[in-house]
């Protein structure tokens, strides 16, 4: 165990640099705003800065922990359940995995508290069942080889049909649920499952089909919450604004974070427990991994635990009040439209601080053998999230229904999926779920809510929906990146024979060419 810890130290330094590169731009933007057009109280600013420091350390531990534990666990479990070749066993275990992992997702508690008209347990169990069911559909798609675009047309058609019967006060929360549920606990494990399941197939399309699980699992929560909205006739969703901190000294500042730490220590422990127990059963029954591999996974789980506790404490205690107050101040200006470009700028950088984005980008680079680099994926995601936050702020200022953005966006995204390479479509729809994680829920959503308070809008219909917007735009930007790559490849193939013909054109007909 000591050897594993020592070996991980250089990696921790590398992850620290990555975390600083992700969080420092956001901190710099907020500081510039605080000292210029959006003055905030010293209490809120200090909370934000301490929260940013905790997020940096949290991302450092989480990203290394996910690499060491969640990814190998998911890949081994995925490979083992597929090796059985028994469809009922594969589907039954798939449902159970999706159900347990979703219940362990911390972001789901946040969603449940925003929908008081439905009991928390009912909502959580329904969403978990939705994810479990759609993980089963995702496994079937991979094993049978069903085209992802066709399934997307079917299921998103059902979603928008149901949306017509759901009260508008409930609509944005339902669409937000798809992004919130695929958070830092769910994404690494589910993506690794996909790699493990597809590896057993071994055909040339296996790599393409290894993505798409997160995309399918994002649909389940939306359908589940829409159905609950109709069944319960949920006509309102009460907004509870975050408490703005007031501290007089450094001890009181630390006390704010110290009080919340036990809550997240318990929450993340409860979240990780089902995954650990489930993996333990697989290890005892089928995996039989050696002690060194198990030790590496144990260290990785410890890193994941510490990282998520620090990250969620920093985000919820430090970032959430700052985002809310900043939104109020910016939208309270005489030139309130300024919140649109500022929101876009924050959106561009904030997606880099999402823990699960690291996992997606790294896995994309590995599976495509570097054809799609982590840097290119990061740029495409940042561009998509930037556009989506800008559109979300337009909604806040104007009160336009979210369906005016979601319906055309999804129609376009699903439409181009029929001409884009399969791999890019699967990655794009996975990216939508990955990009809309805890940073979106704890900073961008409060930013929109604070702005909505300042302009006197309806919080539930106008501010909620930021997560849904952030989940939508990467579908378009990543697929457009794929379309450009495809066109470049075709052009290169067309030019290659012409270039070879030109090289031989000047030679006499009877020349001997040595190969």
Protein backbone atom coordinates (compact mmCIF):
# COMPACT_ATOMS: atom_id res chain seq x y z
CA UNK A 1 0.00 0.00 0.00
CA UNK A 2 2.88 2.40 0.83
CA UNK A 3 4.41 1.72 -2.60
CA UNK A 4 1.10 2.57 -4.30
CA UNK A 5 0.78 5.82 -2.33
CA UNK A 6 4.37 6.84 -3.18
CA UNK A 7 3.84 5.98 -6.87
CA UNK A 8 0.74 8.20 -6.97
CA UNK A 9 2.52 11.35 -5.66
CA UNK A 10 3.91 12.47 -9.07
CA UNK A 11 0.43 11.95 -10.52
CA UNK A 12 -1.07 14.11 -7.77
CA UNK A 13 1.26 16.96 -8.72
CA UNK A 14 0.18 16.61 -12.35
CA UNK A 15 -3.50 16.63 -11.36
CA UNK A 16 -2.92 19.68 -9.13
CA UNK A 17 -1.62 21.64 -12.13
CA UNK A 18 -4.65 20.55 -14.19
CA UNK A 19 -7.02 21.59 -11.38
CA UNK A 20 -5.33 25.01 -11.06
CA UNK A 21 -5.63 25.54 -14.83
CA UNK A 22 -9.35 24.71 -14.58
CA UNK A 23 -10.31 26.80 -11.53
CA UNK A 24 -7.99 29.85 -11.67
CA UNK A 25 -9.65 31.39 -14.78
CA UNK A 26 -13.08 31.30 -13.05
CA UNK A 27 -11.62 32.81 -9.86
CA UNK A 28 -9.88 35.53 -11.91
CA UNK A 29 -13.11 36.44 -13.78
CA UNK A 30 -15.09 36.65 -10.51
CA UNK A 31 -12.37 38.76 -8.84
CA UNK A 32 -12.27 41.20 -11.78
CA UNK A 33 -16.07 41.53 -11.62
CA UNK A 34 -16.03 41.99 -7.82
CA UNK A 35 -13.48 44.81 -8.04
CA UNK A 36 -15.17 46.58 -10.97
CA UNK A 37 -18.87 46.41 -11.94
CA UNK A 38 -20.22 43.88 -9.40
CA UNK A 39 -19.09 44.73 -5.86
CA UNK A 40 -19.78 42.02 -3.27
CA UNK A 41 -19.36 41.90 0.51
CA UNK A 42 -16.01 40.71 1.94
CA UNK A 43 -17.82 37.72 3.50
CA UNK A 44 -19.06 36.42 0.14
CA UNK A 45 -15.70 37.05 -1.53
CA UNK A 46 -13.75 35.21 1.20
CA UNK A 47 -16.19 32.28 1.06
CA UNK A 48 -15.74 32.13 -2.70
CA UNK A 49 -11.93 32.13 -2.46
CA UNK A 50 -11.82 29.43 0.24
CA UNK A 51 -14.37 27.43 -1.77
CA UNK A 52 -12.15 27.77 -4.88
CA UNK A 53 -9.13 26.45 -2.92
CA UNK A 54 -11.16 23.43 -1.73
CA UNK A 55 -12.40 22.78 -5.28
CA UNK A 56 -8.82 22.77 -6.63
CA UNK A 57 -7.70 20.18 -4.06
CA UNK A 58 -10.95 18.23 -4.55
CA UNK A 59 -10.50 18.00 -8.33
CA UNK A 60 -6.87 16.93 -7.84
CA UNK A 61 -7.84 13.97 -5.63
CA UNK A 62 -11.02 13.04 -7.53
CA UNK A 63 -9.50 12.89 -11.02
CA UNK A 64 -6.62 10.65 -9.87
CA UNK A 65 -9.01 8.56 -7.73
CA UNK A 66 -11.38 7.98 -10.66
CA UNK A 67 -8.46 6.82 -12.84
CA UNK A 68 -7.21 4.42 -10.16
CA UNK A 69 -10.55 2.99 -8.98
CA UNK A 70 -13.79 3.83 -10.80
CA UNK A 71 -12.48 3.23 -14.33
CA UNK A 72 -10.85 -0.20 -13.70
CA UNK A 73 -13.82 -1.29 -11.54
CA UNK A 74 -16.31 -0.39 -14.26
CA UNK A 75 -14.29 -2.00 -17.05
CA UNK A 76 -13.78 -5.27 -15.12
CA UNK A 77 -17.45 -5.51 -14.10
CA UNK A 78 -18.61 -4.70 -17.65
CA UNK A 79 -16.35 -7.38 -19.13
CA UNK A 80 -17.42 -10.02 -16.59
CA UNK A 81 -21.19 -9.55 -16.99
CA UNK A 82 -20.85 -9.68 -20.80
CA UNK A 83 -18.72 -12.86 -20.69
CA UNK A 84 -21.66 -14.75 -19.18
CA UNK A 85 -23.43 -14.49 -22.59
CA UNK A 86 -26.76 -14.86 -20.76
CA UNK A 87 -29.00 -11.96 -21.79
CA UNK A 88 -31.32 -12.05 -18.71
CA UNK A 89 -28.27 -11.96 -16.40
CA UNK A 90 -26.67 -9.07 -18.33
CA UNK A 91 -29.89 -7.03 -18.35
CA UNK A 92 -30.76 -7.80 -14.71
CA UNK A 93 -27.32 -6.80 -13.46
CA UNK A 94 -27.39 -3.75 -15.76
CA UNK A 95 -30.63 -2.51 -14.19
CA UNK A 96 -29.30 -3.11 -10.67
CA UNK A 97 -26.05 -1.27 -11.44
CA UNK A 98 -27.89 1.74 -12.88
CA UNK A 99 -30.33 1.83 -9.96
CA UNK A 100 -27.66 1.62 -7.23
CA UNK A 101 -25.25 4.08 -8.86
CA UNK A 102 -28.02 6.67 -9.32
CA UNK A 103 -29.15 6.44 -5.71
CA UNK A 104 -25.51 7.09 -4.77
CA UNK A 105 -25.33 10.27 -6.92
CA UNK A 106 -25.03 13.33 -4.61
CA UNK A 107 -26.53 15.75 -7.18
CA UNK A 108 -29.82 13.83 -7.10
CA UNK A 109 -30.47 15.05 -3.53
CA UNK A 110 -30.21 18.64 -4.80
CA UNK A 111 -32.82 17.93 -7.47
CA UNK A 112 -35.16 16.22 -4.99
CA UNK A 113 -35.12 19.26 -2.70
CA UNK A 114 -36.16 21.52 -5.60
CA UNK A 115 -39.38 19.55 -6.23
CA UNK A 116 -41.37 19.75 -2.97
CA UNK A 117 -44.65 18.67 -4.59
CA UNK A 118 -43.25 15.12 -4.95
CA UNK A 119 -41.86 13.22 -1.92
CA UNK A 120 -38.05 13.00 -2.02
CA UNK A 121 -37.93 9.21 -1.78
CA UNK A 122 -40.52 8.79 -4.55
CA UNK A 123 -38.57 11.09 -6.85
CA UNK A 124 -35.17 9.48 -6.11
CA UNK A 125 -36.45 5.92 -6.58
CA UNK A 126 -38.27 6.87 -9.81
CA UNK A 127 -35.20 8.57 -11.28
CA UNK A 128 -32.98 5.63 -10.23
CA UNK A 129 -35.42 3.20 -11.89
CA UNK A 130 -35.33 5.38 -15.03
CA UNK A 131 -31.52 5.27 -15.18
CA UNK A 132 -31.51 1.50 -14.51
CA UNK A 133 -34.05 0.88 -17.30
CA UNK A 134 -32.15 2.99 -19.81
CA UNK A 135 -28.84 1.38 -18.89
CA UNK A 136 -30.55 -1.89 -19.87
CA UNK A 137 -31.58 -0.30 -23.20
CA UNK A 138 -27.98 0.91 -23.65
CA UNK A 139 -26.61 -2.62 -23.07
CA UNK A 140 -29.13 -4.02 -25.58
CA UNK A 141 -28.07 -1.40 -28.12
CA UNK A 142 -24.42 -2.38 -27.72
CA UNK A 143 -25.02 -6.13 -27.81
CA UNK A 144 -27.47 -6.12 -30.72
CA UNK A 145 -25.88 -3.20 -32.59
CA UNK A 146 -28.89 -0.86 -32.80
CA UNK A 147 -28.15 2.59 -34.26
CA UNK A 148 -28.00 5.30 -31.56
CA UNK A 149 -29.64 8.07 -33.71
CA UNK A 150 -32.78 5.93 -34.23
CA UNK A 151 -33.15 5.38 -30.49
CA UNK A 152 -32.60 9.09 -29.83
CA UNK A 153 -35.40 9.99 -32.26
CA UNK A 154 -37.75 7.54 -30.52
CA UNK A 155 -37.02 8.54 -26.92
CA UNK A 156 -36.70 12.30 -27.39
CA UNK A 157 -39.93 12.16 -29.40
CA UNK A 158 -41.57 10.59 -26.32
CA UNK A 159 -40.03 13.27 -24.07
CA UNK A 160 -41.36 16.21 -26.09
CA UNK A 161 -44.76 14.53 -26.44
CA UNK A 162 -45.00 14.14 -22.64
CA UNK A 163 -43.76 17.71 -22.17
CA UNK A 164 -46.99 18.97 -23.74
CA UNK A 165 -48.96 17.56 -20.78
CA UNK A 166 -46.68 18.72 -17.95
CA UNK A 167 -47.31 22.04 -16.12
CA UNK A 168 -44.83 24.70 -17.33
CA UNK A 169 -43.67 25.33 -13.73
CA UNK A 170 -42.39 21.76 -13.68
CA UNK A 171 -40.91 21.55 -17.17
CA UNK A 172 -37.44 23.07 -16.66
CA UNK A 173 -36.79 21.03 -13.50
CA UNK A 174 -37.65 17.84 -15.41
CA UNK A 175 -35.16 18.64 -18.19
CA UNK A 176 -32.53 19.67 -15.62
CA UNK A 177 -32.83 16.23 -14.02
CA UNK A 178 -31.22 14.51 -17.02
CA UNK A 179 -28.02 16.53 -16.62
CA UNK A 180 -27.93 16.52 -12.84
CA UNK A 181 -28.27 12.74 -12.47
CA UNK A 182 -25.23 11.98 -14.65
CA UNK A 183 -22.77 13.50 -12.18
CA UNK A 184 -19.29 12.77 -10.82
CA UNK A 185 -20.25 9.44 -9.23
CA UNK A 186 -22.25 8.04 -12.13
CA UNK A 187 -20.23 9.07 -15.18
CA UNK A 188 -16.80 7.42 -14.53
CA UNK A 189 -18.38 4.07 -13.63
CA UNK A 190 -20.96 4.00 -16.45
CA UNK A 191 -18.43 5.07 -19.11
CA UNK A 192 -16.01 2.38 -17.95
CA UNK A 193 -18.85 -0.17 -18.06
CA UNK A 194 -19.34 0.70 -21.72
CA UNK A 195 -15.66 0.06 -22.50
CA UNK A 196 -15.80 -3.27 -20.64
CA UNK A 197 -18.97 -4.48 -22.36
CA UNK A 198 -17.85 -3.44 -25.87
CA UNK A 199 -14.39 -5.02 -25.42
CA UNK A 200 -15.99 -8.48 -25.34
CA UNK A 201 -17.49 -7.97 -28.81
CA UNK A 202 -14.15 -7.35 -30.47
CA UNK A 203 -15.60 -6.24 -33.83
CA UNK A 204 -14.59 -3.03 -35.62
CA UNK A 205 -17.65 -1.11 -34.34
CA UNK A 206 -17.05 -2.01 -30.68
CA UNK A 207 -15.13 1.20 -29.94
CA UNK A 208 -17.93 3.31 -31.46
CA UNK A 209 -20.53 1.61 -29.30
CA UNK A 210 -18.47 1.91 -26.09
CA UNK A 211 -19.80 5.48 -25.87
CA UNK A 212 -23.49 6.33 -25.64
CA UNK A 213 -24.27 4.85 -22.21
CA UNK A 214 -24.32 8.25 -20.48
CA UNK A 215 -26.46 9.57 -23.35
CA UNK A 216 -29.06 6.84 -22.80
CA UNK A 217 -28.91 7.17 -19.02
CA UNK A 218 -29.62 10.93 -19.30
CA UNK A 219 -32.97 10.17 -20.97
CA UNK A 220 -34.31 8.00 -18.12
CA UNK A 221 -34.46 10.75 -15.45
CA UNK A 222 -36.20 13.21 -17.81
CA UNK A 223 -38.93 10.69 -18.68
CA UNK A 224 -39.29 9.60 -15.03
CA UNK A 225 -39.69 13.17 -13.73
CA UNK A 226 -42.09 14.15 -16.56
CA UNK A 227 -44.28 11.12 -15.78
CA UNK A 228 -44.22 11.99 -12.07
CA UNK A 229 -45.18 15.57 -12.94
CA UNK A 230 -48.28 14.30 -14.76
CA UNK A 231 -49.20 11.68 -12.12
CA UNK A 232 -48.76 14.03 -9.16
CA UNK A 233 -50.14 17.03 -11.08
CA UNK A 234 -47.18 18.96 -9.69
CA UNK A 235 -48.09 22.57 -10.28
CA UNK A 236 -45.26 24.33 -8.46
CA UNK A 237 -41.68 23.94 -7.38
CA UNK A 238 -40.66 26.23 -4.56
CA UNK A 239 -37.37 28.07 -4.90
CA UNK A 240 -35.22 28.18 -1.77
CA UNK A 241 -32.46 30.80 -2.22
CA UNK A 242 -29.02 30.03 -0.76
CA UNK A 243 -28.20 31.78 2.51
CA UNK A 244 -25.75 34.62 1.90
CA UNK A 245 -22.90 34.29 4.43
CA UNK A 246 -21.91 37.03 6.87
CA UNK A 247 -18.65 36.50 8.77
CA UNK A 248 -16.71 38.93 10.95
CA UNK A 249 -13.39 37.06 11.20
CA UNK A 250 -11.42 34.10 9.84
CA UNK A 251 -12.67 31.72 12.57
CA UNK A 252 -16.29 32.35 11.56
CA UNK A 253 -15.30 31.85 7.91
CA UNK A 254 -13.82 28.42 8.64
CA UNK A 255 -16.83 27.58 10.82
CA UNK A 256 -19.13 27.97 7.78
CA UNK A 257 -17.21 25.22 5.95
CA UNK A 258 -16.53 23.16 9.07
CA UNK A 259 -20.25 22.87 9.85
CA UNK A 260 -21.00 21.52 6.36
CA UNK A 261 -18.09 19.05 6.18
CA UNK A 262 -19.76 16.27 8.28
CA UNK A 263 -22.81 16.41 5.98
CA UNK A 264 -20.71 15.73 2.88
CA UNK A 265 -18.49 13.20 4.67
CA UNK A 266 -21.62 11.16 5.40
CA UNK A 267 -23.26 11.84 2.01
CA UNK A 268 -20.27 10.70 -0.05
CA UNK A 269 -19.69 7.67 2.21
CA UNK A 270 -23.31 6.60 1.64
CA UNK A 271 -22.85 7.31 -2.08
CA UNK A 272 -19.73 5.16 -2.45
CA UNK A 273 -20.96 2.27 -0.28
CA UNK A 274 -23.29 0.61 -2.87
CA UNK A 275 -20.53 0.70 -5.52
CA UNK A 276 -17.95 -0.78 -3.10
CA UNK A 277 -20.34 -3.53 -1.93
CA UNK A 278 -21.32 -4.39 -5.50
CA UNK A 279 -17.68 -4.55 -6.62
CA UNK A 280 -16.84 -6.69 -3.56
CA UNK A 281 -19.51 -9.21 -4.58
CA UNK A 282 -18.15 -9.32 -8.15
CA UNK A 283 -14.60 -9.76 -6.82
CA UNK A 284 -15.68 -12.66 -4.58
CA UNK A 285 -17.82 -14.38 -7.25
CA UNK A 286 -16.05 -13.79 -10.59
CA UNK A 287 -13.17 -11.26 -10.75
CA UNK A 288 -10.49 -12.72 -8.42
CA UNK A 289 -8.17 -9.71 -8.84
CA UNK A 290 -4.71 -9.86 -7.24
CA UNK A 291 -3.87 -8.00 -4.03
CA UNK A 292 -1.83 -5.27 -5.74
CA UNK A 293 -4.70 -4.40 -8.11
CA UNK A 294 -7.14 -4.35 -5.19
CA UNK A 295 -4.76 -2.14 -3.20
CA UNK A 296 -4.56 0.33 -6.09
CA UNK A 297 -8.37 0.42 -6.30
CA UNK A 298 -8.64 0.94 -2.52
CA UNK A 299 -6.22 3.90 -2.64
CA UNK A 300 -8.15 5.27 -5.63
CA UNK A 301 -11.46 5.02 -3.74
CA UNK A 302 -9.93 6.88 -0.79
CA UNK A 303 -8.75 9.64 -3.16
CA UNK A 304 -12.19 9.75 -4.79
CA UNK A 305 -13.86 10.06 -1.38
CA UNK A 306 -11.60 12.88 -0.16
CA UNK A 307 -11.82 14.67 -3.51
CA UNK A 308 -15.63 14.62 -3.71
CA UNK A 309 -16.04 15.75 -0.08
CA UNK A 310 -13.74 18.74 -0.59
CA UNK A 311 -15.20 19.55 -4.02
CA UNK A 312 -18.86 19.51 -2.95
CA UNK A 313 -18.17 21.44 0.27
CA UNK A 314 -16.28 24.14 -1.64
CA UNK A 315 -18.89 24.30 -4.41
CA UNK A 316 -21.98 24.37 -2.19
CA UNK A 317 -20.69 26.57 0.65
CA UNK A 318 -18.34 28.86 -1.32
CA UNK A 319 -19.54 29.01 -4.92
CA UNK A 320 -23.34 28.82 -4.59
CA UNK A 321 -23.88 32.03 -2.54
CA UNK A 322 -21.29 33.90 -4.66
CA UNK A 323 -23.01 32.85 -7.89
CA UNK A 324 -26.43 33.91 -6.60
CA UNK A 325 -25.29 37.31 -5.33
CA UNK A 326 -23.21 37.98 -8.46
CA UNK A 327 -26.28 37.28 -10.60
CA UNK A 328 -28.36 39.72 -8.57
CA UNK A 329 -25.75 42.49 -8.81
CA UNK A 330 -25.08 42.06 -12.55
CA UNK A 331 -28.75 41.88 -13.55
CA UNK A 332 -29.56 44.78 -11.23
CA UNK A 333 -27.42 47.16 -13.31
CA UNK A 334 -28.98 49.62 -15.76
CA UNK A 335 -27.13 47.67 -18.51
CA UNK A 336 -28.44 44.28 -17.36
CA UNK A 337 -27.71 42.69 -20.78
CA UNK A 338 -24.04 42.57 -19.66
CA UNK A 339 -24.89 39.31 -17.85
CA UNK A 340 -25.14 37.54 -21.24
CA UNK A 341 -21.48 37.94 -22.35
CA UNK A 342 -20.24 37.55 -18.75
CA UNK A 343 -22.28 34.34 -18.40
CA UNK A 344 -20.81 33.06 -21.68
CA UNK A 345 -17.27 33.81 -20.48
CA UNK A 346 -17.82 32.04 -17.16
CA UNK A 347 -19.49 29.12 -18.97
CA UNK A 348 -16.48 28.70 -21.28
CA UNK A 349 -14.10 28.18 -18.37
CA UNK A 350 -16.37 26.57 -15.76
CA UNK A 351 -16.87 23.33 -17.74
CA UNK A 352 -13.10 22.72 -17.41
CA UNK A 353 -13.63 22.44 -13.64
CA UNK A 354 -16.30 19.71 -13.94
CA UNK A 355 -14.75 16.55 -12.40
CA UNK A 356 -16.37 14.11 -14.86
CA UNK A 357 -15.19 16.10 -17.91
CA UNK A 358 -11.61 14.93 -17.22
CA UNK A 359 -12.81 11.33 -17.28
CA UNK A 360 -14.67 11.79 -20.60
CA UNK A 361 -11.85 13.66 -22.37
CA UNK A 362 -9.22 11.13 -21.30
CA UNK A 363 -11.35 8.15 -22.29
CA UNK A 364 -12.16 9.69 -25.69
CA UNK A 365 -8.45 10.23 -26.36
CA UNK A 366 -7.60 6.64 -25.35
CA UNK A 367 -10.41 4.91 -27.27
CA UNK A 368 -9.77 6.94 -30.45
CA UNK A 369 -5.96 6.45 -30.17
CA UNK A 370 -5.47 10.21 -30.08
CA UNK A 371 -7.57 10.92 -33.21
CA UNK A 372 -9.79 13.06 -30.95
CA UNK A 373 -7.47 14.73 -28.46
CA UNK A 374 -8.50 15.67 -24.93
CA UNK A 375 -7.68 19.30 -25.82
CA UNK A 376 -10.01 19.29 -28.86
CA UNK A 377 -12.80 17.73 -26.80
CA UNK A 378 -12.28 20.32 -24.06
CA UNK A 379 -12.47 23.19 -26.56
CA UNK A 380 -15.66 21.82 -28.15
CA UNK A 381 -17.29 21.38 -24.73
CA UNK A 382 -16.25 24.87 -23.59
CA UNK A 383 -17.68 26.44 -26.77
CA UNK A 384 -20.94 24.54 -26.36
CA UNK A 385 -21.37 25.44 -22.69
CA UNK A 386 -20.51 29.08 -23.39
CA UNK A 387 -23.30 29.32 -25.98
CA UNK A 388 -25.77 27.52 -23.70
CA UNK A 389 -25.14 29.85 -20.73
CA UNK A 390 -25.59 32.86 -23.01
CA UNK A 391 -28.95 31.48 -24.18
CA UNK A 392 -29.92 30.67 -20.57
CA UNK A 393 -29.29 34.30 -19.59
CA UNK A 394 -31.42 35.45 -22.54
CA UNK A 395 -34.20 33.28 -21.10
CA UNK A 396 -33.75 34.86 -17.66
CA UNK A 397 -34.02 38.40 -19.07
CA UNK A 398 -36.91 37.70 -21.47
CA UNK A 399 -38.90 34.85 -19.87
CA UNK A 400 -39.00 32.83 -23.14
CA UNK A 401 -40.15 29.21 -22.63
CA UNK A 402 -37.33 26.66 -22.51
CA UNK A 403 -39.05 24.60 -25.21
CA UNK A 404 -38.30 27.33 -27.80
CA UNK A 405 -34.61 26.45 -27.29
CA UNK A 406 -34.71 22.72 -26.50
CA UNK A 407 -36.99 21.56 -29.35
CA UNK A 408 -34.99 23.18 -32.22
CA UNK A 409 -31.70 22.28 -30.50
CA UNK A 410 -32.51 18.59 -30.13
CA UNK A 411 -34.11 18.38 -33.59
CA UNK A 412 -30.90 19.77 -35.11
CA UNK A 413 -28.61 17.61 -32.93
CA UNK A 414 -30.51 14.39 -33.72
CA UNK A 415 -30.90 15.38 -37.39
CA UNK A 416 -27.15 15.75 -38.02
CA UNK A 417 -26.50 12.49 -36.09
CA UNK A 418 -27.58 10.60 -39.24
CA UNK A 419 -24.69 12.07 -41.28
CA UNK A 420 -22.00 12.40 -38.57
CA UNK A 421 -19.69 9.40 -37.84
CA UNK A 422 -21.30 7.10 -35.24
CA UNK A 423 -18.47 7.58 -32.75
CA UNK A 424 -18.88 11.37 -32.69
CA UNK A 425 -22.65 11.10 -32.13
CA UNK A 426 -22.20 8.77 -29.14
CA UNK A 427 -19.44 10.96 -27.68
CA UNK A 428 -21.51 14.14 -28.22
CA UNK A 429 -24.58 12.83 -26.39
CA UNK A 430 -22.36 11.51 -23.58
CA UNK A 431 -20.70 14.94 -23.39
CA UNK A 432 -24.06 16.62 -22.80
CA UNK A 433 -24.62 14.62 -19.61
CA UNK A 434 -21.02 15.01 -18.46
CA UNK A 435 -20.78 18.80 -18.96
CA UNK A 436 -23.85 19.50 -16.81
CA UNK A 437 -22.38 18.48 -13.46
CA UNK A 438 -22.05 19.95 -9.95
CA UNK A 439 -20.24 23.14 -11.06
CA UNK A 440 -23.24 24.00 -13.24
CA UNK A 441 -25.67 23.22 -10.41
CA UNK A 442 -23.76 25.17 -7.75
CA UNK A 443 -22.56 28.25 -9.67
CA UNK A 444 -24.33 28.74 -13.01
CA UNK A 445 -27.81 27.83 -11.71
CA UNK A 446 -27.51 30.22 -8.70
CA UNK A 447 -26.13 32.89 -11.09
CA UNK A 448 -29.30 32.55 -13.21
CA UNK A 449 -31.51 32.47 -10.10
CA UNK A 450 -29.93 35.63 -8.68
CA UNK A 451 -30.35 37.41 -12.04
CA UNK A 452 -33.97 36.27 -12.18
CA UNK A 453 -34.62 37.76 -8.72
CA UNK A 454 -33.10 41.07 -9.85
CA UNK A 455 -35.26 41.33 -13.01
CA UNK A 456 -38.42 40.17 -11.21
CA UNK A 457 -38.90 37.00 -13.28
CA UNK A 458 -40.36 33.61 -12.37
CA UNK A 459 -37.51 31.63 -10.77
CA UNK A 460 -39.01 28.20 -11.50
CA UNK A 461 -39.85 28.74 -15.18
CA UNK A 462 -37.07 31.19 -16.19
CA UNK A 463 -33.97 30.38 -14.08
CA UNK A 464 -34.28 26.60 -13.93
CA UNK A 465 -33.30 25.03 -17.21
CA UNK A 466 -29.65 26.17 -17.15
CA UNK A 467 -28.54 22.55 -16.61
CA UNK A 468 -30.76 21.41 -19.50
CA UNK A 469 -29.30 24.10 -21.79
CA UNK A 470 -25.73 23.15 -20.79
CA UNK A 471 -26.56 19.50 -21.53
CA UNK A 472 -27.91 20.36 -25.02
CA UNK A 473 -25.31 22.52 -26.77
CA UNK A 474 -22.32 20.07 -26.56
CA UNK A 475 -24.45 17.65 -28.61
CA UNK A 476 -24.25 20.13 -31.49
CA UNK A 477 -20.67 21.41 -31.10
CA UNK A 478 -19.05 17.95 -30.72
CA UNK A 479 -21.00 16.56 -33.69
CA UNK A 480 -20.06 19.57 -35.83
CA UNK A 481 -16.43 18.83 -34.88
CA UNK A 482 -17.00 15.27 -36.14
CA UNK A 483 -18.58 16.55 -39.36
CA UNK A 484 -15.57 18.79 -40.05
CA UNK A 485 -13.19 15.88 -39.35
CA UNK A 486 -15.16 13.65 -41.74
CA UNK A 487 -15.10 16.25 -44.54
CA UNK A 488 -11.35 16.77 -44.09
CA UNK A 489 -10.75 13.01 -44.28
CA UNK A 490 -12.78 12.73 -47.48
CA UNK A 491 -10.92 15.66 -49.04
CA UNK A 492 -7.54 14.13 -48.11
CA UNK A 493 -8.58 10.80 -49.72
CA UNK A 494 -9.65 12.55 -52.92
CA UNK A 495 -6.39 14.50 -53.15
CA UNK A 496 -4.16 11.47 -52.46
CA UNK A 497 -4.71 9.61 -55.80
CA UNK A 498 -4.42 12.91 -57.71
CA UNK A 499 -1.07 13.67 -56.02
CA UNK A 500 0.24 10.17 -56.81
CA UNK A 501 -0.86 10.52 -60.46
CA UNK A 502 0.96 13.85 -60.75
CA UNK A 503 4.14 12.28 -59.36
CA UNK A 504 4.20 9.60 -62.08
CA UNK A 505 2.90 11.79 -64.92
CA UNK A 506 6.31 13.03 -66.01
CA UNK A 507 7.87 9.54 -66.31
CA UNK A 508 8.27 7.80 -69.71
CA UNK A 509 5.86 4.92 -70.27
CA UNK A 510 8.66 2.33 -70.31
CA UNK A 511 10.32 3.52 -67.06
CA UNK A 512 10.83 0.87 -64.39
CA UNK A 513 9.68 2.03 -60.97
CA UNK A 514 11.44 0.40 -58.02
CA UNK A 515 9.16 -0.27 -55.03
